[in-house]
């Protein structure tokens, strides 16, 4: 593998160098004038070009990759090198260098690389087709006809047992520990178990409805373009109680892999670019299109919270999960039909369903502090970890690192001013709650709560309760006082909360 990458590297440097010399030759002066001046910048550019290629794994080619994916890798890597070069040029005011030479070199090198990749791809495929034809003819002559065995996206015509083929492929693709994990939950060799190695819903849709009791997919969901559609398809093929086992690379495992793969300093540079392109770009409308153009939705970064949230939104419930090596394995079972959320919140600005006056659902505006789809697993977090001091969920892995900072400074609640202007909440009042958290309250308090609008500043900051019972007592005291003297109560609680926040450093977790 290293030898092939080295050959690709040499070929890549040769293509870039030829493109560079060609554009130097096009300039209206002799090579002797331009070449010495551009020698040092060109060597620096080669380092950038190489770093972008390594970061995007441009020199890695597999038989499983299709031509479109290989072309995207080339364009992605070269676009990244171009972006870095432009940033450096304008940062250090190197605008006296010819943009024609810089852009022309990259554009020409990219076209040549795409042509070379296409030629090699079609040449390789032609050789493989000839080899496959010869092998098929040999099998037809020697082995008796046996039924096709479908394992993922491959078709096996083999004289060995079908069950042994499944077992060997799971171990080959994922390792023995993963096979043991699957075997602890379900029997992958059972006739009612379907083993897949796919990232397209087409291979699930073609299966018979509710025939299989267990579906196991050994392809990581990071490479699935429409993850929820895939989960919905799995849901439709399983009976209620049916088991689904899948795997993924979480964002934490990805970070660990990148930092271990590259040498110090370079690893954090690569991780920074990876973070911007794979985690920041998808969250904004202006850059989301660029992200999908570059990646086609493959090799996406996804957190454990988002994985579980997507599964719960698609009608599954978690039975168990485990980190094995560089993979995250999860086992779920079907408990309902999918929610089919057409407008999931993914960007930095979100709308959360909360209980308002009269028990009506209102959409509360906030800045995102949790991973996408986190709202679907609130009950899971509560069941596993209960509540922490102050009424917040304990060990809540849904909250992002940036989210913790936003909560400490109340920045996440600034958009709630929109709800205030719309008349859905008032300045002081009980906190607008999710349906799950609302149902933790006593019947008496729930009935009392829905008679009033929720508030921007809750009585929590005035009384600073620590347990759920103390929180309910604090809110009941506020509501009873508010019923008798609305203005006086709100003024009292406002200034008391203001004092606790400024002088006693009361904060939200």
Protein backbone atom coordinates (compact mmCIF):
# COMPACT_ATOMS: atom_id res chain seq x y z
CA UNK A 1 0.00 0.00 0.00
CA UNK A 2 2.83 2.42 0.90
CA UNK A 3 4.57 1.61 -2.39
CA UNK A 4 1.43 2.51 -4.40
CA UNK A 5 1.00 5.77 -2.47
CA UNK A 6 4.65 6.63 -3.13
CA UNK A 7 4.18 6.10 -6.89
CA UNK A 8 1.08 8.29 -6.85
CA UNK A 9 3.00 10.96 -4.95
CA UNK A 10 5.84 10.99 -7.52
CA UNK A 11 3.33 11.16 -10.38
CA UNK A 12 1.45 13.95 -8.61
CA UNK A 13 4.61 16.05 -8.11
CA UNK A 14 5.56 15.49 -11.75
CA UNK A 15 2.13 16.69 -12.96
CA UNK A 16 2.20 19.82 -10.75
CA UNK A 17 5.77 20.66 -11.77
CA UNK A 18 4.98 20.31 -15.49
CA UNK A 19 1.88 22.50 -15.06
CA UNK A 20 3.95 25.11 -13.23
CA UNK A 21 6.67 25.18 -15.90
CA UNK A 22 4.03 25.42 -18.62
CA UNK A 23 2.48 28.55 -17.08
CA UNK A 24 5.91 30.05 -16.49
CA UNK A 25 6.64 29.48 -20.18
CA UNK A 26 3.39 31.25 -21.14
CA UNK A 27 4.39 34.46 -19.37
CA UNK A 28 5.66 37.26 -21.68
CA UNK A 29 9.25 36.92 -20.49
CA UNK A 30 11.99 34.33 -20.49
CA UNK A 31 12.06 31.47 -18.02
CA UNK A 32 15.27 32.90 -16.57
CA UNK A 33 13.34 35.93 -15.25
CA UNK A 34 10.44 34.14 -13.58
CA UNK A 35 11.83 30.78 -12.54
CA UNK A 36 14.37 31.90 -9.87
CA UNK A 37 11.79 34.23 -8.29
CA UNK A 38 9.17 31.48 -8.06
CA UNK A 39 11.42 28.59 -6.99
CA UNK A 40 11.09 29.05 -3.20
CA UNK A 41 7.31 29.83 -3.25
CA UNK A 42 6.78 26.80 -5.51
CA UNK A 43 8.55 24.50 -3.03
CA UNK A 44 6.32 25.86 -0.25
CA UNK A 45 3.31 25.29 -2.50
CA UNK A 46 4.40 21.69 -3.06
CA UNK A 47 4.38 21.17 0.71
CA UNK A 48 0.83 22.60 0.88
CA UNK A 49 -0.20 20.42 -2.07
CA UNK A 50 1.23 17.32 -0.39
CA UNK A 51 -0.35 18.16 2.99
CA UNK A 52 -3.78 18.61 1.37
CA UNK A 53 -3.35 15.30 -0.46
CA UNK A 54 -2.43 13.45 2.74
CA UNK A 55 -5.24 15.11 4.71
CA UNK A 56 -7.86 14.07 2.13
CA UNK A 57 -6.22 10.66 1.53
CA UNK A 58 -5.95 11.47 -2.17
CA UNK A 59 -3.23 8.88 -2.72
CA UNK A 60 -5.37 6.02 -1.41
CA UNK A 61 -7.31 4.07 -4.03
CA UNK A 62 -9.47 1.01 -3.43
CA UNK A 63 -11.30 -1.34 -5.76
CA UNK A 64 -14.50 -0.49 -3.87
CA UNK A 65 -14.32 3.18 -4.89
CA UNK A 66 -16.29 4.27 -7.93
CA UNK A 67 -15.01 6.76 -10.51
CA UNK A 68 -17.12 9.68 -9.24
CA UNK A 69 -15.75 9.23 -5.72
CA UNK A 70 -12.14 9.13 -7.00
CA UNK A 71 -12.67 12.32 -9.01
CA UNK A 72 -14.21 14.04 -6.00
CA UNK A 73 -11.15 13.15 -3.91
CA UNK A 74 -8.88 14.84 -6.45
CA UNK A 75 -11.07 17.96 -6.67
CA UNK A 76 -11.49 18.12 -2.88
CA UNK A 77 -7.72 17.88 -2.23
CA UNK A 78 -6.77 20.41 -4.91
CA UNK A 79 -9.50 22.84 -3.84
CA UNK A 80 -8.17 22.65 -0.28
CA UNK A 81 -4.61 23.37 -1.50
CA UNK A 82 -5.90 26.33 -3.50
CA UNK A 83 -7.78 27.73 -0.51
CA UNK A 84 -4.71 27.48 1.74
CA UNK A 85 -2.49 29.09 -0.91
CA UNK A 86 -4.89 32.02 -1.37
CA UNK A 87 -5.18 32.54 2.39
CA UNK A 88 -1.38 32.60 2.75
CA UNK A 89 -1.00 34.99 -0.21
CA UNK A 90 -3.44 37.53 1.19
CA UNK A 91 -2.41 37.08 4.82
CA UNK A 92 1.23 37.84 4.08
CA UNK A 93 0.45 40.36 1.32
CA UNK A 94 2.07 38.25 -1.40
CA UNK A 95 -0.20 39.73 -4.03
CA UNK A 96 2.70 40.65 -6.33
CA UNK A 97 2.95 36.98 -7.35
CA UNK A 98 1.07 36.16 -10.54
CA UNK A 99 -2.41 34.84 -9.87
CA UNK A 100 -2.36 33.49 -13.41
CA UNK A 101 0.55 31.20 -12.57
CA UNK A 102 -0.94 30.08 -9.22
CA UNK A 103 -4.49 29.45 -10.46
CA UNK A 104 -3.35 28.15 -13.83
CA UNK A 105 -0.99 25.62 -12.26
CA UNK A 106 -3.69 24.23 -9.97
CA UNK A 107 -6.37 24.18 -12.67
CA UNK A 108 -4.16 22.46 -15.24
CA UNK A 109 -2.77 19.96 -12.71
CA UNK A 110 -6.32 19.10 -11.64
CA UNK A 111 -7.46 18.43 -15.21
CA UNK A 112 -4.43 16.22 -15.89
CA UNK A 113 -4.92 14.32 -12.61
CA UNK A 114 -8.59 13.69 -13.39
CA UNK A 115 -7.66 12.40 -16.84
CA UNK A 116 -4.95 10.11 -15.40
CA UNK A 117 -7.29 8.78 -12.69
CA UNK A 118 -10.02 8.06 -15.25
CA UNK A 119 -7.64 6.25 -17.60
CA UNK A 120 -6.17 4.10 -14.82
CA UNK A 121 -9.65 3.39 -13.43
CA UNK A 122 -11.05 2.15 -16.73
CA UNK A 123 -7.88 0.18 -17.49
CA UNK A 124 -8.05 -1.53 -14.07
CA UNK A 125 -11.76 -2.27 -14.41
CA UNK A 126 -11.19 -3.80 -17.82
CA UNK A 127 -8.55 -6.16 -16.39
CA UNK A 128 -10.85 -7.06 -13.46
CA UNK A 129 -13.76 -7.85 -15.78
CA UNK A 130 -11.56 -10.20 -17.81
CA UNK A 131 -10.35 -11.89 -14.60
CA UNK A 132 -13.90 -12.18 -13.24
CA UNK A 133 -15.11 -13.75 -16.49
CA UNK A 134 -12.29 -16.33 -16.42
CA UNK A 135 -12.97 -17.12 -12.74
CA UNK A 136 -16.71 -17.50 -13.32
CA UNK A 137 -16.11 -19.89 -16.22
CA UNK A 138 -13.73 -21.94 -14.06
CA UNK A 139 -16.30 -22.16 -11.24
CA UNK A 140 -19.04 -23.20 -13.65
CA UNK A 141 -16.88 -26.02 -14.97
CA UNK A 142 -15.69 -27.33 -11.58
CA UNK A 143 -18.38 -26.59 -8.95
CA UNK A 144 -22.02 -27.62 -8.92
CA UNK A 145 -24.67 -24.93 -9.10
CA UNK A 146 -25.64 -23.50 -5.68
CA UNK A 147 -28.08 -20.75 -4.71
CA UNK A 148 -26.84 -17.18 -4.54
CA UNK A 149 -25.91 -16.00 -1.06
CA UNK A 150 -26.49 -12.30 -0.52
CA UNK A 151 -24.21 -10.65 2.02
CA UNK A 152 -24.49 -6.91 1.80
CA UNK A 153 -23.83 -5.65 -1.70
CA UNK A 154 -21.89 -8.75 -2.78
CA UNK A 155 -23.14 -11.99 -4.32
CA UNK A 156 -21.31 -15.17 -3.40
CA UNK A 157 -21.47 -18.35 -5.47
CA UNK A 158 -19.57 -20.74 -3.27
CA UNK A 159 -19.42 -24.39 -2.27
CA UNK A 160 -18.77 -23.60 1.41
CA UNK A 161 -21.66 -23.23 3.83
CA UNK A 162 -23.71 -20.05 3.69
CA UNK A 163 -23.47 -19.59 7.47
CA UNK A 164 -19.71 -19.93 7.42
CA UNK A 165 -19.53 -17.33 4.65
CA UNK A 166 -21.49 -14.86 6.77
CA UNK A 167 -19.34 -15.48 9.84
CA UNK A 168 -16.08 -15.18 7.92
CA UNK A 169 -17.15 -11.95 6.26
CA UNK A 170 -18.20 -10.29 9.52
CA UNK A 171 -14.87 -11.22 11.10
CA UNK A 172 -12.94 -10.15 7.99
CA UNK A 173 -14.70 -6.78 7.73
CA UNK A 174 -15.03 -5.87 11.43
CA UNK A 175 -12.88 -8.21 13.52
CA UNK A 176 -13.54 -11.04 15.93
CA UNK A 177 -14.54 -8.77 18.84
CA UNK A 178 -17.32 -7.20 16.78
CA UNK A 179 -18.59 -10.65 15.79
CA UNK A 180 -18.65 -11.66 19.47
CA UNK A 181 -20.59 -8.48 20.34
CA UNK A 182 -23.18 -9.20 17.63
CA UNK A 183 -23.43 -12.83 18.70
CA UNK A 184 -24.15 -11.79 22.30
CA UNK A 185 -27.25 -9.86 21.19
CA UNK A 186 -28.60 -11.93 18.30
CA UNK A 187 -27.66 -15.00 16.32
CA UNK A 188 -26.31 -13.60 13.02
CA UNK A 189 -26.44 -17.10 11.49
CA UNK A 190 -30.15 -17.59 12.24
CA UNK A 191 -32.41 -17.86 9.15
CA UNK A 192 -34.39 -14.87 10.45
CA UNK A 193 -31.26 -12.70 10.70
CA UNK A 194 -30.26 -10.50 7.75
CA UNK A 195 -26.60 -9.49 7.53
CA UNK A 196 -25.85 -6.48 5.32
CA UNK A 197 -22.78 -4.50 4.35
CA UNK A 198 -24.41 -1.50 2.73
CA UNK A 199 -24.87 2.26 3.01
CA UNK A 200 -27.84 2.55 0.66
CA UNK A 201 -31.50 2.05 1.59
CA UNK A 202 -32.08 0.29 -1.76
CA UNK A 203 -30.53 -2.90 -0.39
CA UNK A 204 -32.88 -2.75 2.58
CA UNK A 205 -36.01 -1.80 0.61
CA UNK A 206 -35.76 -4.88 -1.60
CA UNK A 207 -36.10 -7.20 1.42
CA UNK A 208 -39.44 -8.73 2.41
CA UNK A 209 -41.47 -6.78 4.98
CA UNK A 210 -41.33 -8.17 8.55
CA UNK A 211 -39.70 -11.42 7.39
CA UNK A 212 -36.46 -10.92 9.32
CA UNK A 213 -36.43 -10.57 13.11
CA UNK A 214 -32.89 -9.16 13.18
CA UNK A 215 -31.06 -6.86 10.78
CA UNK A 216 -27.29 -6.40 11.13
CA UNK A 217 -25.38 -3.86 9.05
CA UNK A 218 -21.59 -4.00 9.27
CA UNK A 219 -21.09 -0.84 7.15
CA UNK A 220 -20.64 2.26 9.27
CA UNK A 221 -23.42 4.82 8.97
CA UNK A 222 -20.89 7.66 8.43
CA UNK A 223 -20.94 6.81 4.72
CA UNK A 224 -24.74 6.80 4.43
CA UNK A 225 -26.02 9.93 2.64
CA UNK A 226 -29.55 9.93 4.10
CA UNK A 227 -29.16 8.33 7.51
CA UNK A 228 -32.74 8.80 8.73
CA UNK A 229 -34.18 7.43 5.48
CA UNK A 230 -31.94 4.39 5.91
CA UNK A 231 -33.11 3.88 9.52
CA UNK A 232 -36.74 4.34 8.45
CA UNK A 233 -36.27 1.64 5.82
CA UNK A 234 -34.80 -0.74 8.43
CA UNK A 235 -37.75 0.06 10.70
CA UNK A 236 -40.26 -0.82 7.96
CA UNK A 237 -38.68 -4.26 7.45
CA UNK A 238 -38.70 -5.28 11.12
CA UNK A 239 -41.65 -6.42 13.25
CA UNK A 240 -42.24 -4.68 16.58
CA UNK A 241 -39.50 -5.85 18.93
CA UNK A 242 -37.20 -6.66 16.01
CA UNK A 243 -33.51 -6.01 16.60
CA UNK A 244 -31.18 -3.79 14.59
CA UNK A 245 -27.39 -3.72 15.08
CA UNK A 246 -25.21 -1.12 13.39
CA UNK A 247 -21.87 0.60 13.71
CA UNK A 248 -20.31 4.03 13.28
CA UNK A 249 -17.24 6.14 13.93
CA UNK A 250 -18.18 8.79 16.49
CA UNK A 251 -16.68 12.28 16.45
CA UNK A 252 -14.48 11.41 19.44
CA UNK A 253 -13.16 8.26 17.75
CA UNK A 254 -12.53 10.29 14.59
CA UNK A 255 -10.56 12.92 16.48
CA UNK A 256 -8.49 10.22 18.17
CA UNK A 257 -7.81 8.54 14.81
CA UNK A 258 -6.66 11.77 13.13
CA UNK A 259 -4.41 12.80 16.02
CA UNK A 260 -2.79 9.35 16.11
CA UNK A 261 -2.45 9.08 12.33
CA UNK A 262 -0.37 12.22 11.72
CA UNK A 263 2.76 13.53 13.48
CA UNK A 264 2.48 16.22 16.20
CA UNK A 265 1.55 19.75 15.08
CA UNK A 266 0.49 18.48 11.65
CA UNK A 267 -2.20 16.33 13.27
CA UNK A 268 -3.86 19.37 14.87
CA UNK A 269 -3.62 21.32 11.60
CA UNK A 270 -5.37 18.47 9.78
CA UNK A 271 -7.94 18.13 12.55
CA UNK A 272 -8.69 21.88 12.40
CA UNK A 273 -9.40 21.74 8.66
CA UNK A 274 -11.41 18.55 9.13
CA UNK A 275 -13.45 20.21 11.88
CA UNK A 276 -14.22 23.26 9.72
CA UNK A 277 -15.18 21.34 6.60
CA UNK A 278 -16.92 18.34 8.16
CA UNK A 279 -18.57 19.92 11.23
CA UNK A 280 -18.94 23.66 10.62
CA UNK A 281 -19.84 23.71 6.92
CA UNK A 282 -22.91 21.39 7.22
CA UNK A 283 -24.51 23.65 9.84
CA UNK A 284 -24.86 26.79 7.72
CA UNK A 285 -27.06 27.24 4.64
CA UNK A 286 -24.34 29.09 2.70
CA UNK A 287 -21.71 26.37 3.19
CA UNK A 288 -23.92 23.28 3.36
CA UNK A 289 -23.97 22.99 -0.45
CA UNK A 290 -20.16 23.21 -0.58
CA UNK A 291 -19.92 20.46 2.06
CA UNK A 292 -22.14 18.05 0.11
CA UNK A 293 -20.39 18.90 -3.16
CA UNK A 294 -17.01 18.03 -1.66
CA UNK A 295 -18.06 14.97 0.35
CA UNK A 296 -21.36 13.77 -1.18
CA UNK A 297 -22.41 13.13 2.41
CA UNK A 298 -19.82 10.39 2.90
CA UNK A 299 -17.36 10.04 5.78
CA UNK A 300 -19.45 12.47 7.78
CA UNK A 301 -18.68 13.39 11.37
CA UNK A 302 -21.42 12.26 13.72
CA UNK A 303 -21.61 12.22 17.52
CA UNK A 304 -22.91 9.42 19.71
CA UNK A 305 -25.77 11.66 20.81
CA UNK A 306 -26.79 12.32 17.21
CA UNK A 307 -26.63 8.62 16.31
CA UNK A 308 -28.92 7.67 19.20
CA UNK A 309 -31.18 10.67 18.57
CA UNK A 310 -31.65 9.67 14.94
CA UNK A 311 -32.39 6.07 15.96
CA UNK A 312 -34.99 7.15 18.53
CA UNK A 313 -36.60 9.54 16.02
CA UNK A 314 -36.92 6.58 13.65
CA UNK A 315 -38.79 4.40 16.15
CA UNK A 316 -35.98 2.49 17.88
CA UNK A 317 -34.99 2.12 21.53
CA UNK A 318 -31.46 1.46 22.76
CA UNK A 319 -30.70 -1.94 24.28
CA UNK A 320 -26.93 -1.61 24.48
CA UNK A 321 -23.89 0.03 22.91
CA UNK A 322 -20.14 -0.44 23.10
CA UNK A 323 -16.87 0.98 21.79
CA UNK A 324 -14.79 -1.75 20.16
CA UNK A 325 -11.47 -0.63 18.74
CA UNK A 326 -12.19 2.21 16.33
CA UNK A 327 -15.90 1.47 16.03
CA UNK A 328 -19.02 2.31 17.99
CA UNK A 329 -21.53 -0.56 18.01
CA UNK A 330 -25.20 -0.13 18.95
CA UNK A 331 -28.08 -2.55 19.45
CA UNK A 332 -31.65 -1.25 19.29
CA UNK A 333 -35.11 -2.72 18.90
CA UNK A 334 -38.20 -1.39 17.15
CA UNK A 335 -40.79 0.15 19.48
CA UNK A 336 -42.80 2.34 17.10
CA UNK A 337 -43.03 3.72 13.62
CA UNK A 338 -40.69 6.62 12.69
CA UNK A 339 -41.62 10.20 13.56
CA UNK A 340 -40.83 11.37 9.99
CA UNK A 341 -39.53 14.78 11.04
CA UNK A 342 -39.41 16.76 7.78
CA UNK A 343 -37.65 19.74 9.37
CA UNK A 344 -35.04 18.44 11.82
CA UNK A 345 -33.00 21.10 13.60
CA UNK A 346 -29.37 20.86 12.49
CA UNK A 347 -28.04 24.40 12.36
CA UNK A 348 -26.90 26.75 15.15
CA UNK A 349 -30.34 28.37 15.47
CA UNK A 350 -33.04 25.95 16.69
CA UNK A 351 -36.69 25.82 17.70
CA UNK A 352 -37.60 23.51 20.58
CA UNK A 353 -41.05 22.15 21.41
CA UNK A 354 -42.09 23.37 24.86
CA UNK A 355 -45.28 23.43 26.96
CA UNK A 356 -46.86 26.91 26.92
CA UNK A 357 -49.94 28.50 28.41
CA UNK A 358 -53.04 26.31 28.20
CA UNK A 359 -50.85 23.25 27.63
CA UNK A 360 -50.26 24.29 24.02
CA UNK A 361 -46.97 23.47 22.33
CA UNK A 362 -44.86 26.54 21.52
CA UNK A 363 -41.58 26.66 19.60
CA UNK A 364 -38.91 28.21 21.84
CA UNK A 365 -36.00 29.81 19.96
CA UNK A 366 -32.44 29.12 21.14
CA UNK A 367 -28.86 28.81 19.97
CA UNK A 368 -27.82 25.18 19.73
CA UNK A 369 -25.95 23.82 22.75
CA UNK A 370 -26.55 20.12 22.04
CA UNK A 371 -25.77 17.76 19.21
CA UNK A 372 -28.49 17.41 16.53
CA UNK A 373 -31.46 15.14 17.33
CA UNK A 374 -30.61 15.29 21.05
CA UNK A 375 -34.21 16.15 21.98
CA UNK A 376 -35.24 12.57 21.15
CA UNK A 377 -33.06 10.96 23.83
CA UNK A 378 -33.88 13.14 26.86
CA UNK A 379 -35.83 10.29 28.44
CA UNK A 380 -32.91 7.91 27.82
CA UNK A 381 -30.49 10.23 29.64
CA UNK A 382 -32.93 10.65 32.53
CA UNK A 383 -33.54 6.89 32.84
CA UNK A 384 -29.84 6.11 32.86
CA UNK A 385 -28.46 8.99 34.94
CA UNK A 386 -31.40 10.77 36.63
CA UNK A 387 -31.02 14.45 37.58
CA UNK A 388 -28.01 16.40 38.76
CA UNK A 389 -27.98 19.18 41.35
CA UNK A 390 -30.07 22.09 40.11
CA UNK A 391 -32.50 19.91 38.17
CA UNK A 392 -30.37 19.40 35.07
CA UNK A 393 -29.83 15.91 33.64
CA UNK A 394 -26.74 14.20 35.03
CA UNK A 395 -23.90 13.10 32.72
CA UNK A 396 -25.64 14.70 29.76
CA UNK A 397 -23.35 13.81 26.85
CA UNK A 398 -25.67 15.63 24.46
CA UNK A 399 -24.20 19.03 25.39
CA UNK A 400 -21.34 20.18 23.14
CA UNK A 401 -18.15 21.84 24.39
CA UNK A 402 -19.22 25.17 22.88
CA UNK A 403 -22.71 24.61 24.29
CA UNK A 404 -21.38 24.54 27.85
CA UNK A 405 -19.79 27.95 27.31
CA UNK A 406 -22.96 29.39 25.77
CA UNK A 407 -25.02 28.15 28.72
CA UNK A 408 -22.67 29.63 31.28
CA UNK A 409 -23.01 33.05 29.63
CA UNK A 410 -26.76 32.71 28.78
CA UNK A 411 -25.97 33.37 25.15
CA UNK A 412 -28.04 30.34 24.14
CA UNK A 413 -31.20 31.96 25.55
CA UNK A 414 -30.90 35.29 23.72
CA UNK A 415 -33.15 34.14 20.83
CA UNK A 416 -35.94 33.61 23.38
CA UNK A 417 -36.46 37.36 23.10
CA UNK A 418 -38.31 36.48 19.89
CA UNK A 419 -40.80 34.46 21.96
CA UNK A 420 -41.05 37.40 24.35
CA UNK A 421 -41.90 39.81 21.51
CA UNK A 422 -44.42 37.30 20.10
CA UNK A 423 -46.18 37.24 23.46
CA UNK A 424 -45.60 33.52 24.09
CA UNK A 425 -43.55 34.08 27.26
CA UNK A 426 -43.05 36.87 29.80
CA UNK A 427 -39.93 38.28 31.46
CA UNK A 428 -40.35 36.46 34.82
CA UNK A 429 -42.08 33.11 35.00
CA UNK A 430 -41.64 29.37 35.25
CA UNK A 431 -39.26 27.81 32.77
CA UNK A 432 -40.83 26.50 29.48
CA UNK A 433 -40.40 22.72 29.73
CA UNK A 434 -40.16 19.84 27.29
CA UNK A 435 -42.98 17.30 27.40
CA UNK A 436 -40.77 14.71 29.10
CA UNK A 437 -39.55 17.05 31.84
CA UNK A 438 -43.07 18.46 32.28
CA UNK A 439 -44.38 14.94 32.99
CA UNK A 440 -41.89 14.57 35.88
CA UNK A 441 -43.85 17.21 37.80
CA UNK A 442 -46.75 16.52 40.15
CA UNK A 443 -50.28 16.64 38.76
CA UNK A 444 -51.13 19.66 40.93
CA UNK A 445 -48.14 21.69 39.69
CA UNK A 446 -48.78 20.74 36.05
CA UNK A 447 -52.36 21.97 36.30
CA UNK A 448 -51.20 25.19 37.96
CA UNK A 449 -48.38 25.79 35.46
CA UNK A 450 -50.50 25.76 32.30
CA UNK A 451 -52.65 28.62 33.63
CA UNK A 452 -49.77 31.05 33.05
CA UNK A 453 -47.24 31.95 30.41
CA UNK A 454 -43.75 30.58 30.99
CA UNK A 455 -40.97 33.11 31.59
CA UNK A 456 -37.54 34.15 30.43
CA UNK A 457 -36.18 34.41 34.01
CA UNK A 458 -37.44 31.47 36.11
CA UNK A 459 -37.86 31.47 39.92
CA UNK A 460 -34.96 29.00 39.97
CA UNK A 461 -32.47 31.90 39.97
CA UNK A 462 -34.24 33.51 42.92
CA UNK A 463 -34.49 30.43 45.18
CA UNK A 464 -31.56 28.35 43.81
CA UNK A 465 -33.17 24.92 44.51
CA UNK A 466 -31.02 21.80 44.20
CA UNK A 467 -33.38 18.85 43.80
CA UNK A 468 -36.46 18.25 41.65
CA UNK A 469 -38.71 18.43 44.73
CA UNK A 470 -37.17 21.78 45.70
CA UNK A 471 -37.62 23.07 42.14
CA UNK A 472 -41.31 22.10 42.17
CA UNK A 473 -41.75 23.76 45.59
CA UNK A 474 -40.03 26.93 44.33
CA UNK A 475 -42.26 27.12 41.26
CA UNK A 476 -45.44 26.44 43.25
CA UNK A 477 -44.55 29.23 45.72
CA UNK A 478 -43.95 31.63 42.83
CA UNK A 479 -47.21 30.75 41.03
CA UNK A 480 -49.30 31.08 44.19
CA UNK A 481 -47.71 34.46 44.95
CA UNK A 482 -48.14 35.56 41.33
CA UNK A 483 -51.87 34.74 41.45
CA UNK A 484 -52.34 37.16 44.36
CA UNK A 485 -49.91 39.97 43.44
CA UNK A 486 -48.64 39.61 39.83
CA UNK A 487 -46.59 42.83 39.49
CA UNK A 488 -45.12 42.81 42.98
CA UNK A 489 -44.16 39.13 42.72
CA UNK A 490 -42.43 39.57 39.37
CA UNK A 491 -40.47 42.62 40.58
CA UNK A 492 -39.41 40.77 43.72
CA UNK A 493 -38.26 37.67 41.86
CA UNK A 494 -36.54 39.72 39.13
CA UNK A 495 -34.29 41.63 41.52
CA UNK A 496 -33.62 38.57 43.65
CA UNK A 497 -32.56 36.63 40.55
CA UNK A 498 -30.48 39.61 39.38
CA UNK A 499 -28.62 39.67 42.73
CA UNK A 500 -27.91 35.91 42.63
CA UNK A 501 -26.66 36.06 39.05
CA UNK A 502 -24.38 39.11 39.51
CA UNK A 503 -23.10 38.68 43.06
CA UNK A 504 -23.54 34.96 43.80
CA UNK A 505 -22.57 33.88 40.28
CA UNK A 506 -25.62 31.71 39.73
CA UNK A 507 -25.21 29.90 36.43
CA UNK A 508 -27.06 27.44 34.20
CA UNK A 509 -25.36 24.10 33.60
